Amino acid sequence: MVTPRHLRAFYTKIEGICKESGIIAGKSGRHMKFPYTMSAKIAQFPYTLYVNNNYVWMYLPLAFICSFYFFSKIHAIVNSDANVRNWAETQRKAAEKEHH
């Protein structure tokens, strides 16, 4: 089972890797007293604080991955050749009934 402790450790490791590689920049100069532009607001938003301490943000990536897996499996089953042929046959029979 995935616990918050495991997720915190995982996100902390990802944050460290991103800071080492330069994806996440460190603090640069002074903070604005009020961030007027949208890019300044995005830059000052404490993403890591929310991801590490809020359960909704913590489990969101895990839920997205699990949902994507199940939806892709459902999509593959629904759009299989046999199912498409069965659906076309059902629609053809329904159209014949309505026509008569």
PDB file of N, CA and C in Angstrom:
ATOM      1  N   MET A   1       0.841  -1.177   0.000  1.00  0.00           N
ATOM      2  CA  MET A   1       0.000   0.000   0.000  1.00  0.00           C
ATOM      3  C   MET A   1       0.887   1.241   0.000  1.00  0.00           C
ATOM      4  N   VAL A   2       0.459   2.223  -0.736  1.00  0.00           N
ATOM      5  CA  VAL A   2       1.222   3.460  -0.825  1.00  0.00           C
ATOM      6  C   VAL A   2       0.774   4.388   0.298  1.00  0.00           C
ATOM      7  N   THR A   3       1.699   4.713   1.174  1.00  0.00           N
ATOM      8  CA  THR A   3       1.386   5.588   2.296  1.00  0.00           C
ATOM      9  C   THR A   3       1.964   6.977   2.041  1.00  0.00           C
ATOM     10  N   PRO A   4       1.476   7.978   2.764  1.00  0.00           N
ATOM     11  CA  PRO A   4       2.025   9.330   2.600  1.00  0.00           C
ATOM     12  C   PRO A   4       3.531   9.393   2.850  1.00  0.00           C
ATOM     13  N   ARG A   5       4.036   8.548   3.737  1.00  0.00           N
ATOM     14  CA  ARG A   5       5.476   8.536   4.013  1.00  0.00           C
ATOM     15  C   ARG A   5       6.253   8.148   2.760  1.00  0.00           C
ATOM     16  N   HIS A   6       5.767   7.124   2.047  1.00  0.00           N
ATOM     17  CA  HIS A   6       6.427   6.705   0.816  1.00  0.00           C
ATOM     18  C   HIS A   6       6.364   7.795  -0.248  1.00  0.00           C
ATOM     19  N   LEU A   7       5.199   8.435  -0.367  1.00  0.00           N
ATOM     20  CA  LEU A   7       5.046   9.481  -1.378  1.00  0.00           C
ATOM     21  C   LEU A   7       5.911  10.699  -1.068  1.00  0.00           C
ATOM     22  N   ARG A   8       5.990  11.075   0.223  1.00  0.00           N
ATOM     23  CA  ARG A   8       6.842  12.216   0.599  1.00  0.00           C
ATOM     24  C   ARG A   8       8.300  11.939   0.239  1.00  0.00           C
ATOM     25  N   ALA A   9       8.757  10.726   0.539  1.00  0.00           N
ATOM     26  CA  ALA A   9      10.137  10.368   0.212  1.00  0.00           C
ATOM     27  C   ALA A   9      10.359  10.382  -1.298  1.00  0.00           C
ATOM     28  N   PHE A  10       9.402   9.887  -2.051  1.00  0.00           N
ATOM     29  CA  PHE A  10       9.508   9.866  -3.505  1.00  0.00           C
ATOM     30  C   PHE A  10       9.547  11.281  -4.076  1.00  0.00           C
ATOM     31  N   TYR A  11       8.647  12.152  -3.612  1.00  0.00           N
ATOM     32  CA  TYR A  11       8.608  13.526  -4.123  1.00  0.00           C
ATOM     33  C   TYR A  11       9.846  14.317  -3.703  1.00  0.00           C
ATOM     34  N   THR A  12      10.367  14.044  -2.521  1.00  0.00           N
ATOM     35  CA  THR A  12      11.586  14.714  -2.079  1.00  0.00           C
ATOM     36  C   THR A  12      12.767  14.295  -2.953  1.00  0.00           C
ATOM     37  N   LYS A  13      12.829  13.008  -3.300  1.00  0.00           N
ATOM     38  CA  LYS A  13      13.891  12.528  -4.171  1.00  0.00           C
ATOM     39  C   LYS A  13      13.785  13.162  -5.562  1.00  0.00           C
ATOM     40  N   ILE A  14      12.567  13.262  -6.097  1.00  0.00           N
ATOM     41  CA  ILE A  14      12.369  13.891  -7.404  1.00  0.00           C
ATOM     42  C   ILE A  14      12.760  15.363  -7.358  1.00  0.00           C
ATOM     43  N   GLU A  15      12.404  16.049  -6.276  1.00  0.00           N
ATOM     44  CA  GLU A  15      12.758  17.462  -6.129  1.00  0.00           C
ATOM     45  C   GLU A  15      14.272  17.631  -6.099  1.00  0.00           C
ATOM     46  N   GLY A  16      14.977  16.768  -5.388  1.00  0.00           N
ATOM     47  CA  GLY A  16      16.435  16.846  -5.332  1.00  0.00           C
ATOM     48  C   GLY A  16      17.074  16.618  -6.700  1.00  0.00           C
ATOM     49  N   ILE A  17      16.548  15.645  -7.442  1.00  0.00           N
ATOM     50  CA  ILE A  17      17.076  15.377  -8.781  1.00  0.00           C
ATOM     51  C   ILE A  17      16.831  16.570  -9.698  1.00  0.00           C
ATOM     52  N   CYS A  18      15.663  17.163  -9.608  1.00  0.00           N
ATOM     53  CA  CYS A  18      15.342  18.317 -10.459  1.00  0.00           C
ATOM     54  C   CYS A  18      16.202  19.529 -10.114  1.00  0.00           C
ATOM     55  N   LYS A  19      16.486  19.736  -8.828  1.00  0.00           N
ATOM     56  CA  LYS A  19      17.340  20.863  -8.448  1.00  0.00           C
ATOM     57  C   LYS A  19      18.782  20.648  -8.904  1.00  0.00           C
ATOM     58  N   GLU A  20      19.275  19.409  -8.819  1.00  0.00           N
ATOM     59  CA  GLU A  20      20.642  19.125  -9.263  1.00  0.00           C
ATOM     60  C   GLU A  20      20.806  19.316 -10.765  1.00  0.00           C
ATOM     61  N   SER A  21      19.796  18.906 -11.519  1.00  0.00           N
ATOM     62  CA  SER A  21      19.910  19.008 -12.974  1.00  0.00           C
ATOM     63  C   SER A  21      19.568  20.394 -13.496  1.00  0.00           C
ATOM     64  N   GLY A  22      19.051  21.265 -12.654  1.00  0.00           N
ATOM     65  CA  GLY A  22      18.772  22.636 -13.066  1.00  0.00           C
ATOM     66  C   GLY A  22      17.361  22.863 -13.579  1.00  0.00           C
ATOM     67  N   ILE A  23      16.497  21.862 -13.477  1.00  0.00           N
ATOM     68  CA  ILE A  23      15.110  22.036 -13.902  1.00  0.00           C
ATOM     69  C   ILE A  23      14.405  23.013 -12.972  1.00  0.00           C
ATOM     70  N   ILE A  24      14.660  22.869 -11.676  1.00  0.00           N
ATOM     71  CA  ILE A  24      14.119  23.798 -10.688  1.00  0.00           C
ATOM     72  C   ILE A  24      15.244  24.726 -10.274  1.00  0.00           C
ATOM     73  N   ALA A  25      15.056  26.010 -10.487  1.00  0.00           N
ATOM     74  CA  ALA A  25      16.077  26.988 -10.115  1.00  0.00           C
ATOM     75  C   ALA A  25      15.952  27.320  -8.631  1.00  0.00           C
ATOM     76  N   GLY A  26      17.048  27.711  -8.048  1.00  0.00           N
ATOM     77  CA  GLY A  26      17.031  28.131  -6.653  1.00  0.00           C
ATOM     78  C   GLY A  26      16.463  29.534  -6.524  1.00  0.00           C
ATOM     79  N   LYS A  27      16.489  30.065  -5.331  1.00  0.00           N
ATOM     80  CA  LYS A  27      15.995  31.416  -5.103  1.00  0.00           C
ATOM     81  C   LYS A  27      16.913  32.417  -5.803  1.00  0.00           C
ATOM     82  N   SER A  28      16.313  33.371  -6.456  1.00  0.00           N
ATOM     83  CA  SER A  28      17.109  34.366  -7.171  1.00  0.00           C
ATOM     84  C   SER A  28      16.722  35.761  -6.702  1.00  0.00           C
ATOM     85  N   GLY A  29      17.594  36.402  -5.976  1.00  0.00           N
ATOM     86  CA  GLY A  29      17.359  37.790  -5.556  1.00  0.00           C
ATOM     87  C   GLY A  29      16.237  37.921  -4.551  1.00  0.00           C
ATOM     88  N   ARG A  30      15.617  39.104  -4.587  1.00  0.00           N
ATOM     89  CA  ARG A  30      14.540  39.389  -3.644  1.00  0.00           C
ATOM     90  C   ARG A  30      13.199  38.931  -4.208  1.00  0.00           C
ATOM     91  N   HIS A  31      12.279  38.648  -3.306  1.00  0.00           N
ATOM     92  CA  HIS A  31      10.911  38.361  -3.720  1.00  0.00           C
ATOM     93  C   HIS A  31      10.184  39.682  -3.899  1.00  0.00           C
ATOM     94  N   MET A  32       9.245  39.685  -4.819  1.00  0.00           N
ATOM     95  CA  MET A  32       8.410  40.867  -4.985  1.00  0.00           C
ATOM     96  C   MET A  32       7.463  40.962  -3.798  1.00  0.00           C
ATOM     97  N   LYS A  33       7.135  42.184  -3.357  1.00  0.00           N
ATOM     98  CA  LYS A  33       6.179  42.322  -2.263  1.00  0.00           C
ATOM     99  C   LYS A  33       4.814  41.821  -2.700  1.00  0.00           C
ATOM    100  N   PHE A  34       4.448  42.148  -3.916  1.00  0.00           N
ATOM    101  CA  PHE A  34       3.228  41.595  -4.493  1.00  0.00           C
ATOM    102  C   PHE A  34       3.535  41.188  -5.926  1.00  0.00           C
ATOM    103  N   PRO A  35       3.399  39.920  -6.247  1.00  0.00           N
ATOM    104  CA  PRO A  35       3.699  39.485  -7.617  1.00  0.00           C
ATOM    105  C   PRO A  35       2.588  39.938  -8.575  1.00  0.00           C
ATOM    106  N   TYR A  36       2.886  40.915  -9.403  1.00  0.00           N
ATOM    107  CA  TYR A  36       1.881  41.497 -10.287  1.00  0.00           C
ATOM    108  C   TYR A  36       1.600  40.629 -11.503  1.00  0.00           C
ATOM    109  N   THR A  37       2.592  40.005 -12.049  1.00  0.00           N
ATOM    110  CA  THR A  37       2.394  39.228 -13.268  1.00  0.00           C
ATOM    111  C   THR A  37       2.077  37.776 -12.936  1.00  0.00           C
ATOM    112  N   MET A  38       1.452  37.105 -13.894  1.00  0.00           N
ATOM    113  CA  MET A  38       1.095  35.706 -13.685  1.00  0.00           C
ATOM    114  C   MET A  38       2.344  34.832 -13.541  1.00  0.00           C
ATOM    115  N   SER A  39       3.399  35.147 -14.306  1.00  0.00           N
ATOM    116  CA  SER A  39       4.617  34.333 -14.200  1.00  0.00           C
ATOM    117  C   SER A  39       5.264  34.506 -12.821  1.00  0.00           C
ATOM    118  N   ALA A  40       5.188  35.698 -12.235  1.00  0.00           N
ATOM    119  CA  ALA A  40       5.730  35.902 -10.889  1.00  0.00           C
ATOM    120  C   ALA A  40       4.909  35.141  -9.855  1.00  0.00           C
ATOM    121  N   LYS A  41       3.597  35.096 -10.052  1.00  0.00           N
ATOM    122  CA  LYS A  41       2.748  34.345  -9.128  1.00  0.00           C
ATOM    123  C   LYS A  41       3.045  32.846  -9.216  1.00  0.00           C
ATOM    124  N   ILE A  42       3.234  32.350 -10.428  1.00  0.00           N
ATOM    125  CA  ILE A  42       3.543  30.926 -10.612  1.00  0.00           C
ATOM    126  C   ILE A  42       4.904  30.597 -10.014  1.00  0.00           C
ATOM    127  N   ALA A  43       5.882  31.511 -10.190  1.00  0.00           N
ATOM    128  CA  ALA A  43       7.231  31.262  -9.681  1.00  0.00           C
ATOM    129  C   ALA A  43       7.261  31.245  -8.156  1.00  0.00           C
ATOM    130  N   GLN A  44       6.414  32.026  -7.506  1.00  0.00           N
ATOM    131  CA  GLN A  44       6.442  32.100  -6.042  1.00  0.00           C
ATOM    132  C   GLN A  44       5.488  31.114  -5.374  1.00  0.00           C
ATOM    133  N   PHE A  45       4.698  30.379  -6.137  1.00  0.00           N
ATOM    134  CA  PHE A  45       3.756  29.437  -5.543  1.00  0.00           C
ATOM    135  C   PHE A  45       4.520  28.256  -4.947  1.00  0.00           C
ATOM    136  N   PRO A  46       4.240  27.884  -3.700  1.00  0.00           N
ATOM    137  CA  PRO A  46       4.999  26.799  -3.039  1.00  0.00           C
ATOM    138  C   PRO A  46       4.472  25.405  -3.411  1.00  0.00           C
ATOM    139  N   TYR A  47       4.794  24.952  -4.613  1.00  0.00           N
ATOM    140  CA  TYR A  47       4.294  23.657  -5.077  1.00  0.00           C
ATOM    141  C   TYR A  47       4.751  22.508  -4.191  1.00  0.00           C
ATOM    142  N   THR A  48       6.024  22.509  -3.838  1.00  0.00           N
ATOM    143  CA  THR A  48       6.543  21.372  -3.061  1.00  0.00           C
ATOM    144  C   THR A  48       5.896  21.291  -1.678  1.00  0.00           C
ATOM    145  N   LEU A  49       5.563  22.431  -1.100  1.00  0.00           N
ATOM    146  CA  LEU A  49       4.882  22.428   0.195  1.00  0.00           C
ATOM    147  C   LEU A  49       3.517  21.764   0.076  1.00  0.00           C
ATOM    148  N   TYR A  50       2.771  22.101  -0.965  1.00  0.00           N
ATOM    149  CA  TYR A  50       1.459  21.499  -1.152  1.00  0.00           C
ATOM    150  C   TYR A  50       1.565  20.005  -1.464  1.00  0.00           C
ATOM    151  N   VAL A  51       2.482  19.629  -2.318  1.00  0.00           N
ATOM    152  CA  VAL A  51       2.603  18.217  -2.696  1.00  0.00           C
ATOM    153  C   VAL A  51       3.027  17.369  -1.505  1.00  0.00           C
ATOM    154  N   ASN A  52       3.883  17.883  -0.653  1.00  0.00           N
ATOM    155  CA  ASN A  52       4.371  17.091   0.482  1.00  0.00           C
ATOM    156  C   ASN A  52       3.428  17.078   1.673  1.00  0.00           C
ATOM    157  N   ASN A  53       2.520  18.038   1.797  1.00  0.00           N
ATOM    158  CA  ASN A  53       1.701  18.131   3.005  1.00  0.00           C
ATOM    159  C   ASN A  53       0.199  18.002   2.785  1.00  0.00           C
ATOM    160  N   ASN A  54      -0.279  18.043   1.567  1.00  0.00           N
ATOM    161  CA  ASN A  54      -1.705  17.970   1.304  1.00  0.00           C
ATOM    162  C   ASN A  54      -2.005  16.640   0.625  1.00  0.00           C
ATOM    163  N   TYR A  55      -2.922  15.866   1.196  1.00  0.00           N
ATOM    164  CA  TYR A  55      -3.192  14.534   0.679  1.00  0.00           C
ATOM    165  C   TYR A  55      -3.795  14.548  -0.714  1.00  0.00           C
ATOM    166  N   VAL A  56      -4.597  15.561  -1.037  1.00  0.00           N
ATOM    167  CA  VAL A  56      -5.188  15.633  -2.371  1.00  0.00           C
ATOM    168  C   VAL A  56      -4.089  15.787  -3.417  1.00  0.00           C
ATOM    169  N   TRP A  57      -3.169  16.717  -3.197  1.00  0.00           N
ATOM    170  CA  TRP A  57      -2.066  16.930  -4.142  1.00  0.00           C
ATOM    171  C   TRP A  57      -1.082  15.764  -4.119  1.00  0.00           C
ATOM    172  N   MET A  58      -0.970  15.120  -2.966  1.00  0.00           N
ATOM    173  CA  MET A  58      -0.018  14.027  -2.826  1.00  0.00           C
ATOM    174  C   MET A  58      -0.446  12.812  -3.652  1.00  0.00           C
ATOM    175  N   TYR A  59      -1.725  12.505  -3.637  1.00  0.00           N
ATOM    176  CA  TYR A  59      -2.207  11.322  -4.330  1.00  0.00           C
ATOM    177  C   TYR A  59      -2.673  11.609  -5.755  1.00  0.00           C
ATOM    178  N   LEU A  60      -2.687  12.850  -6.185  1.00  0.00           N
ATOM    179  CA  LEU A  60      -3.163  13.193  -7.525  1.00  0.00           C
ATOM    180  C   LEU A  60      -2.354  12.529  -8.640  1.00  0.00           C
ATOM    181  N   PRO A  61      -1.018  12.571  -8.633  1.00  0.00           N
ATOM    182  CA  PRO A  61      -0.284  11.873  -9.701  1.00  0.00           C
ATOM    183  C   PRO A  61      -0.522  10.359  -9.702  1.00  0.00           C
ATOM    184  N   LEU A  62      -0.607   9.768  -8.523  1.00  0.00           N
ATOM    185  CA  LEU A  62      -0.863   8.333  -8.433  1.00  0.00           C
ATOM    186  C   LEU A  62      -2.249   7.999  -8.982  1.00  0.00           C
ATOM    187  N   ALA A  63      -3.233   8.813  -8.657  1.00  0.00           N
ATOM    188  CA  ALA A  63      -4.588   8.590  -9.161  1.00  0.00           C
ATOM    189  C   ALA A  63      -4.644   8.770 -10.675  1.00  0.00           C
ATOM    190  N   PHE A  64      -3.897   9.736 -11.194  1.00  0.00           N
ATOM    191  CA  PHE A  64      -3.873   9.959 -12.643  1.00  0.00           C
ATOM    192  C   PHE A  64      -3.280   8.754 -13.362  1.00  0.00           C
ATOM    193  N   ILE A  65      -2.213   8.209 -12.843  1.00  0.00           N
ATOM    194  CA  ILE A  65      -1.563   7.048 -13.478  1.00  0.00           C
ATOM    195  C   ILE A  65      -2.480   5.827 -13.439  1.00  0.00           C
ATOM    196  N   CYS A  66      -3.106   5.584 -12.288  1.00  0.00           N
ATOM    197  CA  CYS A  66      -4.016   4.439 -12.183  1.00  0.00           C
ATOM    198  C   CYS A  66      -5.231   4.612 -13.097  1.00  0.00           C
ATOM    199  N   SER A  67      -5.798   5.803 -13.126  1.00  0.00           N
ATOM    200  CA  SER A  67      -6.956   6.057 -13.988  1.00  0.00           C
ATOM    201  C   SER A  67      -6.589   5.900 -15.451  1.00  0.00           C
ATOM    202  N   PHE A  68      -5.429   6.398 -15.844  1.00  0.00           N
ATOM    203  CA  PHE A  68      -4.997   6.270 -17.232  1.00  0.00           C
ATOM    204  C   PHE A  68      -4.861   4.806 -17.626  1.00  0.00           C
ATOM    205  N   TYR A  69      -4.332   3.999 -16.742  1.00  0.00           N
ATOM    206  CA  TYR A  69      -4.175   2.567 -17.018  1.00  0.00           C
ATOM    207  C   TYR A  69      -5.537   1.913 -17.252  1.00  0.00           C
ATOM    208  N   PHE A  70      -6.483   2.143 -16.346  1.00  0.00           N
ATOM    209  CA  PHE A  70      -7.788   1.503 -16.473  1.00  0.00           C
ATOM    210  C   PHE A  70      -8.560   2.028 -17.681  1.00  0.00           C
ATOM    211  N   PHE A  71      -8.505   3.336 -17.942  1.00  0.00           N
ATOM    212  CA  PHE A  71      -9.210   3.880 -19.100  1.00  0.00           C
ATOM    213  C   PHE A  71      -8.615   3.376 -20.405  1.00  0.00           C
ATOM    214  N   SER A  72      -7.303   3.186 -20.458  1.00  0.00           N
ATOM    215  CA  SER A  72      -6.710   2.654 -21.682  1.00  0.00           C
ATOM    216  C   SER A  72      -7.123   1.199 -21.900  1.00  0.00           C
ATOM    217  N   LYS A  73      -7.229   0.411 -20.835  1.00  0.00           N
ATOM    218  CA  LYS A  73      -7.699  -0.968 -20.963  1.00  0.00           C
ATOM    219  C   LYS A  73      -9.151  -1.000 -21.435  1.00  0.00           C
ATOM    220  N   ILE A  74     -10.016  -0.150 -20.858  1.00  0.00           N
ATOM    221  CA  ILE A  74     -11.418  -0.088 -21.274  1.00  0.00           C
ATOM    222  C   ILE A  74     -11.508   0.346 -22.735  1.00  0.00           C
ATOM    223  N   HIS A  75     -10.714   1.315 -23.123  1.00  0.00           N
ATOM    224  CA  HIS A  75     -10.706   1.797 -24.503  1.00  0.00           C
ATOM    225  C   HIS A  75     -10.305   0.686 -25.475  1.00  0.00           C
ATOM    226  N   ALA A  76      -9.306  -0.093 -25.103  1.00  0.00           N
ATOM    227  CA  ALA A  76      -8.865  -1.195 -25.968  1.00  0.00           C
ATOM    228  C   ALA A  76      -9.947  -2.257 -26.110  1.00  0.00           C
ATOM    229  N   ILE A  77     -10.671  -2.567 -25.039  1.00  0.00           N
ATOM    230  CA  ILE A  77     -11.725  -3.581 -25.092  1.00  0.00           C
ATOM    231  C   ILE A  77     -12.906  -3.095 -25.926  1.00  0.00           C
ATOM    232  N   VAL A  78     -13.314  -1.855 -25.701  1.00  0.00           N
ATOM    233  CA  VAL A  78     -14.478  -1.311 -26.395  1.00  0.00           C
ATOM    234  C   VAL A  78     -14.214  -1.159 -27.890  1.00  0.00           C
ATOM    235  N   ASN A  79     -13.019  -0.799 -28.270  1.00  0.00           N
ATOM    236  CA  ASN A  79     -12.707  -0.560 -29.677  1.00  0.00           C
ATOM    237  C   ASN A  79     -12.050  -1.757 -30.362  1.00  0.00           C
ATOM    238  N   SER A  80     -12.224  -2.945 -29.822  1.00  0.00           N
ATOM    239  CA  SER A  80     -11.687  -4.129 -30.485  1.00  0.00           C
ATOM    240  C   SER A  80     -12.495  -4.414 -31.754  1.00  0.00           C
ATOM    241  N   ASP A  81     -11.907  -5.155 -32.678  1.00  0.00           N
ATOM    242  CA  ASP A  81     -12.560  -5.431 -33.959  1.00  0.00           C
ATOM    243  C   ASP A  81     -13.877  -6.190 -33.775  1.00  0.00           C
ATOM    244  N   ALA A  82     -13.872  -7.183 -32.897  1.00  0.00           N
ATOM    245  CA  ALA A  82     -15.081  -7.972 -32.684  1.00  0.00           C
ATOM    246  C   ALA A  82     -16.211  -7.107 -32.115  1.00  0.00           C
ATOM    247  N   ASN A  83     -15.892  -6.233 -31.203  1.00  0.00           N
ATOM    248  CA  ASN A  83     -16.910  -5.384 -30.610  1.00  0.00           C
ATOM    249  C   ASN A  83     -17.441  -4.366 -31.621  1.00  0.00           C
ATOM    250  N   VAL A  84     -16.566  -3.838 -32.469  1.00  0.00           N
ATOM    251  CA  VAL A  84     -17.001  -2.888 -33.492  1.00  0.00           C
ATOM    252  C   VAL A  84     -17.934  -3.579 -34.486  1.00  0.00           C
ATOM    253  N   ARG A  85     -17.600  -4.807 -34.902  1.00  0.00           N
ATOM    254  CA  ARG A  85     -18.461  -5.557 -35.815  1.00  0.00           C
ATOM    255  C   ARG A  85     -19.808  -5.866 -35.168  1.00  0.00           C
ATOM    256  N   ASN A  86     -19.797  -6.255 -33.890  1.00  0.00           N
ATOM    257  CA  ASN A  86     -21.033  -6.546 -33.157  1.00  0.00           C
ATOM    258  C   ASN A  86     -21.904  -5.299 -33.080  1.00  0.00           C
ATOM    259  N   TRP A  87     -21.308  -4.151 -32.800  1.00  0.00           N
ATOM    260  CA  TRP A  87     -22.060  -2.892 -32.710  1.00  0.00           C
ATOM    261  C   TRP A  87     -22.665  -2.523 -34.072  1.00  0.00           C
ATOM    262  N   ALA A  88     -21.909  -2.697 -35.152  1.00  0.00           N
ATOM    263  CA  ALA A  88     -22.432  -2.391 -36.478  1.00  0.00           C
ATOM    264  C   ALA A  88     -23.603  -3.307 -36.824  1.00  0.00           C
ATOM    265  N   GLU A  89     -23.501  -4.574 -36.469  1.00  0.00           N
ATOM    266  CA  GLU A  89     -24.596  -5.515 -36.715  1.00  0.00           C
ATOM    267  C   GLU A  89     -25.830  -5.131 -35.912  1.00  0.00           C
ATOM    268  N   THR A  90     -25.661  -4.760 -34.668  1.00  0.00           N
ATOM    269  CA  THR A  90     -26.779  -4.335 -33.829  1.00  0.00           C
ATOM    270  C   THR A  90     -27.448  -3.095 -34.412  1.00  0.00           C
ATOM    271  N   GLN A  91     -26.668  -2.140 -34.864  1.00  0.00           N
ATOM    272  CA  GLN A  91     -27.227  -0.937 -35.457  1.00  0.00           C
ATOM    273  C   GLN A  91     -27.957  -1.243 -36.770  1.00  0.00           C
ATOM    274  N   ARG A  92     -27.422  -2.181 -37.552  1.00  0.00           N
ATOM    275  CA  ARG A  92     -28.071  -2.558 -38.807  1.00  0.00           C
ATOM    276  C   ARG A  92     -29.430  -3.207 -38.537  1.00  0.00           C
ATOM    277  N   LYS A  93     -29.503  -4.100 -37.539  1.00  0.00           N
ATOM    278  CA  LYS A  93     -30.773  -4.740 -37.186  1.00  0.00           C
ATOM    279  C   LYS A  93     -31.782  -3.723 -36.672  1.00  0.00           C
ATOM    280  N   ALA A  94     -31.334  -2.774 -35.878  1.00  0.00           N
ATOM    281  CA  ALA A  94     -32.234  -1.744 -35.364  1.00  0.00           C
ATOM    282  C   ALA A  94     -32.759  -0.865 -36.495  1.00  0.00           C
ATOM    283  N   ALA A  95     -31.910  -0.572 -37.476  1.00  0.00           N
ATOM    284  CA  ALA A  95     -32.342   0.237 -38.618  1.00  0.00           C
ATOM    285  C   ALA A  95     -33.345  -0.517 -39.480  1.00  0.00           C
ATOM    286  N   GLU A  96     -33.171  -1.844 -39.636  1.00  0.00           N
ATOM    287  CA  GLU A  96     -34.124  -2.652 -40.395  1.00  0.00           C
ATOM    288  C   GLU A  96     -35.491  -2.672 -39.713  1.00  0.00           C
ATOM    289  N   LYS A  97     -35.509  -2.799 -38.376  1.00  0.00           N
ATOM    290  CA  LYS A  97     -36.769  -2.803 -37.649  1.00  0.00           C
ATOM    291  C   LYS A  97     -37.508  -1.475 -37.809  1.00  0.00           C
ATOM    292  N   GLU A  98     -36.782  -0.388 -37.742  1.00  0.00           N
ATOM    293  CA  GLU A  98     -37.408   0.928 -37.874  1.00  0.00           C
ATOM    294  C   GLU A  98     -37.905   1.160 -39.299  1.00  0.00           C
ATOM    295  N   HIS A  99     -37.202   0.628 -40.261  1.00  0.00           N
ATOM    296  CA  HIS A  99     -37.579   0.845 -41.654  1.00  0.00           C
ATOM    297  C   HIS A  99     -38.902   0.146 -41.961  1.00  0.00           C
ATOM    298  N   HIS A 100     -39.153  -1.025 -41.354  1.00  0.00           N
ATOM    299  CA  HIS A 100     -40.380  -1.773 -41.645  1.00  0.00           C
ATOM    300  C   HIS A 100     -41.445  -1.303 -40.747  1.00  0.00           C
TER     301      HIS A 100
END
